[in-house]
Amino acid sequence: MLTIAVDAMGGDHAPACVIDGALEALRESGNRFEIILIGQSEKVEPLLGKHDTAGLNLKFMHAPETVTMDDVPATAVKTKQNSSLVKGLQLCKAKEAEAFVSAGNTGAQMAASLFILGRIPGVLRPTIYAYLPRLQEGLTNMVDVGANMDCKPEHLVQFAEMLSIYQRYGAGIENPQVGLLNIGEEEGKGSDTLKQTHPLLKAAHAAGKINFIGNIEGHDILKGKATVVVCDGLVGNTILKFGESIPEFLGVLFKQALEKNVASGSLDQNAAAAATAMFKGMFEPFDVEKFGGVPFLGVDGISIVGHGRSSSRAIKNMIYMAEHMVERKVNEHIAEVLADK
């Protein structure tokens, strides 16, 4: 049976929402995997005691230390060996769990994953991607979104290869389309790094590693021109954080306009309620909680990270993502492609 280690202390709403999400996953899945909750017993066990866990494939492991969002990643990994983050990844290293899930400190989880699990042979740098909304059906992922600020051309090419493999085997996209984010579609545009990356991506395309469609621009992202958007972590994280702010920003504008029209009599309460429901439905594509979290690509093991604000629903879906990554053998496929260079 598949075993998934879950950081009970990771996230803004931990441990309560992590416990709820883990139990929801076990019940909804029909108990098809085992979960090991890891955290401080004095905080986790009283909350667990409020639930009926009889018959569930659930275990608890005490971890007296916690890695916080304010901790310096490398320092936290070295000094908090008894944290839920470190202990969970150690379970994976010891083959006592097949995957680890956390909504805690992303930088610390990346550092711990590298230190404890190591890299898949051939990986230059592990990376992290994000989900982006698109106009048509399907999936758009952007890589890198913050794990690697300064990237060499060969790093960007490998990010494209690894994310293409994930989309092919993990998301069922038969022929992922890779676009290099740039300031123009022409091959000679952009920084020196982007100019050097373009021919390398073309070579990877010619070798059958990826399906490179060329440069894409910012306005192409939400149109879904590419399923894989490649950029360095500084650009990617900036776009990601900007995108996350859009629903909230437009929500404030919508509320102000709605209140103004209701007060003036232009809209009655029924029309306002219908407009509100329609507005909320518009932003369903921005809902990242349906995916839960994302794996660190290139790490020699399954390490799934989620947003610090993750709800119990997001935690549940992170657990499903971990199960999915193991069953689809994404890491094995990455190793095969990189070994074939």
Protein backbone atom coordinates (compact mmCIF):
# COMPACT_ATOMS: atom_id res chain seq x y z
CA MET A 1 0.00 0.00 0.00
CA LEU A 2 1.20 3.49 -0.87
CA THR A 3 2.29 5.52 2.17
CA ILE A 4 2.24 9.33 2.16
CA ALA A 5 3.92 11.40 4.88
CA VAL A 6 2.05 14.63 5.67
CA ASP A 7 3.47 17.64 7.50
CA ALA A 8 0.78 18.40 10.06
CA MET A 9 2.50 21.65 11.07
CA GLY A 10 2.88 23.17 7.59
CA GLY A 11 0.68 26.08 6.56
CA ASP A 12 -1.10 29.10 7.98
CA HIS A 13 -4.03 27.02 9.24
CA ALA A 14 -2.10 24.01 10.52
CA PRO A 15 -2.57 21.64 12.15
CA ALA A 16 -6.39 21.75 12.07
CA CYS A 17 -6.87 22.08 8.30
CA VAL A 18 -4.10 19.55 7.58
CA ILE A 19 -5.80 16.99 9.80
CA ASP A 20 -9.16 17.68 8.16
CA GLY A 21 -7.66 17.38 4.67
CA ALA A 22 -5.85 14.14 5.46
CA LEU A 23 -8.98 12.54 6.89
CA GLU A 24 -11.07 13.75 3.94
CA ALA A 25 -8.57 12.17 1.54
CA LEU A 26 -8.66 8.83 3.34
CA ARG A 27 -12.45 8.72 3.54
CA GLU A 28 -13.08 10.01 0.01
CA SER A 29 -10.51 7.63 -1.51
CA GLY A 30 -11.91 4.60 0.25
CA ASN A 31 -8.76 4.21 2.38
CA ARG A 32 -6.65 3.22 -0.63
CA PHE A 33 -3.40 4.59 0.82
CA GLU A 34 -1.82 5.14 4.22
CA ILE A 35 -1.09 8.55 5.73
CA ILE A 36 1.52 9.30 8.38
CA LEU A 37 0.75 12.62 10.04
CA ILE A 38 3.88 14.23 11.49
CA GLY A 39 3.81 17.04 14.03
CA GLN A 40 3.85 18.17 17.62
CA SER A 41 1.83 15.70 19.66
CA GLU A 42 0.54 18.35 22.07
CA LYS A 43 -1.10 20.19 19.17
CA VAL A 44 -2.07 17.36 16.82
CA GLU A 45 -3.38 14.64 19.11
CA PRO A 46 -6.10 16.75 20.84
CA LEU A 47 -7.48 17.69 17.42
CA LEU A 48 -7.26 14.13 16.13
CA GLY A 49 -9.17 13.03 19.22
CA LYS A 50 -12.18 15.01 18.05
CA HIS A 51 -12.47 12.83 14.93
CA ASP A 52 -13.58 9.25 14.48
CA THR A 53 -10.48 7.71 12.89
CA ALA A 54 -11.42 4.08 13.51
CA GLY A 55 -10.56 1.91 10.51
CA LEU A 56 -8.64 4.64 8.69
CA ASN A 57 -5.12 3.97 7.44
CA LEU A 58 -3.72 6.73 9.63
CA LYS A 59 -0.61 6.87 11.78
CA PHE A 60 0.90 9.68 13.82
CA MET A 61 4.58 10.52 14.35
CA HIS A 62 5.70 13.01 16.97
CA ALA A 63 8.06 15.78 15.81
CA PRO A 64 8.85 18.29 18.57
CA GLU A 65 10.20 21.02 16.26
CA THR A 66 8.50 23.08 13.58
CA VAL A 67 9.93 24.94 10.59
CA THR A 68 8.13 28.29 10.39
CA MET A 69 7.54 30.56 7.43
CA ASP A 70 10.09 33.00 8.87
CA ASP A 71 12.91 30.47 9.17
CA VAL A 72 15.92 30.77 6.85
CA PRO A 73 15.65 27.61 4.68
CA ALA A 74 19.18 26.22 4.87
CA THR A 75 19.53 27.07 8.56
CA ALA A 76 16.20 25.49 9.45
CA VAL A 77 17.12 22.23 7.75
CA LYS A 78 20.42 22.03 9.63
CA THR A 79 19.19 23.12 13.06
CA LYS A 80 15.72 21.56 13.17
CA GLN A 81 16.43 17.90 12.54
CA ASN A 82 13.45 16.92 14.69
CA SER A 83 10.97 19.00 12.70
CA SER A 84 7.98 17.54 10.87
CA LEU A 85 9.52 18.73 7.58
CA VAL A 86 12.81 16.91 8.04
CA LYS A 87 11.29 13.78 9.57
CA GLY A 88 8.79 13.45 6.73
CA LEU A 89 11.47 13.59 4.07
CA GLN A 90 13.63 11.18 6.05
CA LEU A 91 10.77 8.69 5.90
CA CYS A 92 10.88 8.97 2.11
CA LYS A 93 14.65 8.55 2.06
CA ALA A 94 14.34 5.42 4.20
CA LYS A 95 11.62 4.08 1.84
CA GLU A 96 9.10 4.09 4.70
CA ALA A 97 6.95 6.51 2.68
CA GLU A 98 6.65 7.03 -1.06
CA ALA A 99 5.85 10.75 -0.92
CA PHE A 100 5.87 13.81 1.33
CA VAL A 101 3.33 16.64 1.43
CA SER A 102 3.60 20.05 3.12
CA ALA A 103 2.03 23.51 2.92
CA GLY A 104 4.87 25.03 4.93
CA ASN A 105 8.00 26.99 4.11
CA THR A 106 8.65 26.40 0.38
CA GLY A 107 12.32 27.38 0.50
CA ALA A 108 12.96 25.13 3.47
CA GLN A 109 11.18 22.23 1.81
CA MET A 110 13.25 22.64 -1.34
CA ALA A 111 16.47 22.80 0.70
CA ALA A 112 15.48 19.78 2.79
CA SER A 113 14.39 17.82 -0.28
CA LEU A 114 17.75 18.47 -1.94
CA PHE A 115 19.75 17.68 1.19
CA ILE A 116 17.84 14.53 2.16
CA LEU A 117 16.55 13.11 -1.13
CA GLY A 118 19.14 14.50 -3.54
CA ARG A 119 18.65 15.01 -7.27
CA ILE A 120 17.59 12.63 -9.98
CA PRO A 121 20.79 11.66 -11.84
CA GLY A 122 21.45 14.17 -14.61
CA VAL A 123 19.40 17.00 -13.09
CA LEU A 124 21.30 20.29 -12.96
CA ARG A 125 18.81 22.10 -10.73
CA PRO A 126 15.44 21.00 -9.38
CA THR A 127 12.64 23.40 -10.17
CA ILE A 128 9.10 24.29 -9.24
CA TYR A 129 6.21 25.17 -11.54
CA ALA A 130 2.78 26.73 -11.17
CA TYR A 131 -0.66 26.38 -12.72
CA LEU A 132 -2.02 29.26 -14.78
CA PRO A 133 -5.56 29.81 -16.08
CA ARG A 134 -6.22 29.77 -19.82
CA LEU A 135 -9.12 30.66 -22.08
CA GLN A 136 -9.65 27.23 -23.61
CA GLU A 137 -9.82 23.80 -22.05
CA GLY A 138 -6.56 22.27 -20.98
CA LEU A 139 -3.60 23.10 -18.82
CA THR A 140 -0.88 25.74 -18.70
CA ASN A 141 2.14 25.44 -16.41
CA MET A 142 4.91 27.99 -15.92
CA VAL A 143 8.44 27.09 -14.87
CA ASP A 144 10.43 28.30 -12.91
CA VAL A 145 8.37 30.28 -10.38
CA GLY A 146 10.86 31.07 -7.68
CA ALA A 147 13.23 28.21 -6.98
CA ASN A 148 15.96 29.48 -9.34
CA MET A 149 16.51 33.21 -9.76
CA ASP A 150 19.59 33.15 -12.00
CA CYS A 151 19.29 30.50 -14.69
CA LYS A 152 21.74 29.43 -17.36
CA PRO A 153 20.36 28.44 -20.78
CA GLU A 154 20.90 24.73 -20.05
CA HIS A 155 18.84 25.07 -16.87
CA LEU A 156 15.89 26.53 -18.75
CA VAL A 157 16.06 23.76 -21.34
CA GLN A 158 16.05 21.10 -18.64
CA PHE A 159 13.11 22.79 -16.90
CA ALA A 160 11.21 22.57 -20.20
CA GLU A 161 12.10 18.89 -20.55
CA MET A 162 11.07 17.96 -17.01
CA LEU A 163 7.79 19.86 -17.12
CA SER A 164 6.98 18.38 -20.53
CA ILE A 165 7.50 14.92 -19.02
CA TYR A 166 5.20 15.78 -16.12
CA GLN A 167 2.50 17.03 -18.48
CA ARG A 168 2.82 13.97 -20.71
CA TYR A 169 2.78 11.31 -18.01
CA GLY A 170 1.27 13.12 -15.03
CA ALA A 171 -1.38 15.25 -16.74
CA GLY A 172 -2.09 13.18 -19.83
CA ILE A 173 -1.15 15.89 -22.37
CA GLU A 174 -0.02 13.96 -25.41
CA ASN A 175 2.17 16.62 -27.00
CA PRO A 176 2.99 19.49 -24.59
CA GLN A 177 3.83 22.78 -26.32
CA VAL A 178 6.85 24.64 -24.93
CA GLY A 179 7.09 28.42 -25.26
CA LEU A 180 10.05 30.54 -24.16
CA LEU A 181 8.74 33.70 -22.47
CA ASN A 182 10.36 36.69 -24.13
CA ILE A 183 9.76 40.30 -25.20
CA GLY A 184 9.05 39.28 -28.79
CA GLU A 185 8.43 36.27 -30.99
CA GLU A 186 11.56 36.77 -33.06
CA GLU A 187 14.41 34.39 -32.33
CA GLY A 188 16.96 37.15 -31.73
CA LYS A 189 14.94 38.97 -29.06
CA GLY A 190 15.63 39.17 -25.34
CA SER A 191 18.58 38.97 -22.98
CA ASP A 192 21.78 37.09 -23.75
CA THR A 193 20.48 34.15 -21.73
CA LEU A 194 17.25 33.99 -23.73
CA LYS A 195 19.12 34.35 -27.03
CA GLN A 196 21.33 31.40 -26.04
CA THR A 197 18.39 29.36 -24.76
CA HIS A 198 16.36 29.56 -27.97
CA PRO A 199 18.69 27.44 -30.16
CA LEU A 200 19.14 24.92 -27.34
CA LEU A 201 15.37 24.49 -27.14
CA LYS A 202 15.27 24.07 -30.92
CA ALA A 203 17.91 21.36 -30.62
CA ALA A 204 15.92 19.60 -27.91
CA HIS A 205 12.90 19.79 -30.21
CA ALA A 206 14.89 18.27 -33.10
CA ALA A 207 16.01 15.48 -30.78
CA GLY A 208 12.42 14.68 -29.88
CA LYS A 209 12.78 15.76 -26.25
CA ILE A 210 10.20 18.56 -26.36
CA ASN A 211 7.74 20.26 -28.68
CA PHE A 212 9.19 23.77 -28.88
CA ILE A 213 6.93 26.33 -30.56
CA GLY A 214 9.31 29.31 -30.18
CA ASN A 215 9.18 32.52 -28.20
CA ILE A 216 5.92 33.65 -26.65
CA GLU A 217 5.00 36.97 -25.08
CA GLY A 218 3.15 37.91 -21.92
CA HIS A 219 -0.18 38.29 -23.71
CA ASP A 220 0.09 34.71 -24.98
CA ILE A 221 0.08 33.11 -21.52
CA LEU A 222 -3.63 33.30 -20.68
CA LYS A 223 -4.53 32.60 -24.31
CA GLY A 224 -2.97 29.17 -23.79
CA LYS A 225 -0.58 29.43 -26.72
CA ALA A 226 1.81 27.09 -24.90
CA THR A 227 1.13 24.45 -22.25
CA VAL A 228 4.67 24.91 -20.86
CA VAL A 229 5.84 28.49 -20.31
CA VAL A 230 9.58 28.71 -19.60
CA CYS A 231 11.25 31.58 -17.75
CA ASP A 232 13.62 32.19 -14.85
CA GLY A 233 12.38 32.18 -11.27
CA LEU A 234 12.40 35.96 -10.88
CA VAL A 235 10.12 36.52 -13.87
CA GLY A 236 7.97 33.49 -13.07
CA ASN A 237 7.41 34.37 -9.44
CA THR A 238 6.55 37.96 -10.34
CA ILE A 239 3.95 36.81 -12.88
CA LEU A 240 2.58 34.24 -10.44
CA LYS A 241 2.14 36.74 -7.59
CA PHE A 242 0.60 39.29 -9.96
CA GLY A 243 -1.83 36.66 -11.24
CA GLU A 244 -2.82 35.72 -7.70
CA SER A 245 -3.72 39.35 -7.02
CA ILE A 246 -6.10 39.66 -9.98
CA PRO A 247 -9.22 38.00 -8.48
CA GLU A 248 -8.94 40.00 -5.25
CA PHE A 249 -8.34 43.28 -7.08
CA LEU A 250 -11.23 42.79 -9.49
CA GLY A 251 -13.38 41.56 -6.62
CA VAL A 252 -12.97 44.90 -4.83
CA LEU A 253 -13.82 46.83 -8.00
CA PHE A 254 -16.84 44.61 -8.61
CA LYS A 255 -18.11 45.06 -5.05
CA GLN A 256 -17.78 48.83 -5.29
CA ALA A 257 -19.64 48.92 -8.62
CA LEU A 258 -22.32 46.55 -7.34
CA GLU A 259 -22.98 48.58 -4.19
CA LYS A 260 -23.15 51.77 -6.25
CA ASN A 261 -25.70 50.30 -8.66
CA VAL A 262 -27.83 48.78 -5.88
CA ALA A 263 -27.83 52.09 -3.98
CA SER A 264 -28.89 54.01 -7.11
CA GLY A 265 -31.64 51.53 -7.89
CA SER A 266 -30.08 50.37 -11.15
CA LEU A 267 -29.97 46.81 -9.76
CA ASP A 268 -32.33 45.09 -7.36
CA GLN A 269 -31.13 42.48 -4.84
CA ASN A 270 -32.00 39.51 -7.05
CA ALA A 271 -30.06 40.92 -9.99
CA ALA A 272 -27.14 41.73 -7.69
CA ALA A 273 -27.10 38.16 -6.36
CA ALA A 274 -27.13 36.75 -9.91
CA ALA A 275 -24.32 39.07 -10.96
CA THR A 276 -22.27 38.05 -7.91
CA ALA A 277 -22.69 34.37 -8.69
CA MET A 278 -21.69 34.97 -12.30
CA PHE A 279 -18.64 36.98 -11.20
CA LYS A 280 -17.46 34.25 -8.84
CA GLY A 281 -17.86 31.65 -11.57
CA MET A 282 -15.61 33.68 -13.86
CA PHE A 283 -12.68 33.11 -11.53
CA GLU A 284 -13.00 29.35 -11.22
CA PRO A 285 -9.94 28.92 -13.50
CA PHE A 286 -7.86 30.81 -10.92
CA ASP A 287 -8.70 28.22 -8.26
CA VAL A 288 -5.38 26.48 -7.61
CA GLU A 289 -6.80 24.49 -4.71
CA LYS A 290 -8.27 21.97 -7.13
CA PHE A 291 -4.65 20.94 -7.81
CA GLY A 292 -3.60 21.33 -4.18
CA GLY A 293 0.13 21.66 -4.70
CA VAL A 294 2.99 20.93 -7.04
CA PRO A 295 6.01 18.60 -6.91
CA PHE A 296 9.60 19.72 -6.96
CA LEU A 297 10.72 18.47 -10.38
CA GLY A 298 14.19 16.95 -10.40
CA VAL A 299 14.26 15.87 -6.76
CA ASP A 300 14.95 12.14 -6.31
CA GLY A 301 11.68 11.48 -4.55
CA ILE A 302 8.15 12.87 -4.37
CA SER A 303 8.03 16.13 -2.42
CA ILE A 304 4.81 18.11 -2.87
CA VAL A 305 4.52 21.72 -1.72
CA GLY A 306 1.35 23.74 -1.36
CA HIS A 307 0.42 27.35 -0.70
CA GLY A 308 0.78 28.53 2.89
CA ARG A 309 -2.89 29.52 2.87
CA SER A 310 -3.97 26.00 1.87
CA SER A 311 -7.40 24.89 3.08
CA SER A 312 -8.36 21.33 3.97
CA ARG A 313 -9.53 20.89 0.37
CA ALA A 314 -6.10 21.90 -0.92
CA ILE A 315 -4.38 19.52 1.52
CA LYS A 316 -6.62 16.70 0.32
CA ASN A 317 -5.77 17.43 -3.30
CA MET A 318 -2.05 17.67 -2.49
CA ILE A 319 -2.27 14.14 -1.14
CA TYR A 320 -3.96 13.02 -4.35
CA MET A 321 -1.19 14.76 -6.32
CA ALA A 322 1.40 12.78 -4.37
CA GLU A 323 -0.42 9.54 -5.12
CA HIS A 324 -0.68 10.53 -8.78
CA MET A 325 3.04 11.29 -9.09
CA VAL A 326 3.97 7.90 -7.66
CA GLU A 327 1.49 5.93 -9.76
CA ARG A 328 2.40 7.70 -13.02
CA LYS A 329 6.14 7.18 -12.35
CA VAL A 330 6.95 10.76 -13.36
CA ASN A 331 10.38 10.72 -11.71
CA GLU A 332 11.29 7.49 -13.46
CA HIS A 333 10.39 9.01 -16.81
CA ILE A 334 12.48 12.12 -16.06
CA ALA A 335 15.46 9.91 -15.20
CA GLU A 336 15.02 7.95 -18.44
CA VAL A 337 14.96 11.08 -20.61
CA LEU A 338 17.94 12.71 -18.90
CA ALA A 339 19.95 9.47 -19.08
CA ASP A 340 19.37 9.44 -22.84
CA LYS A 341 21.34 12.64 -23.48
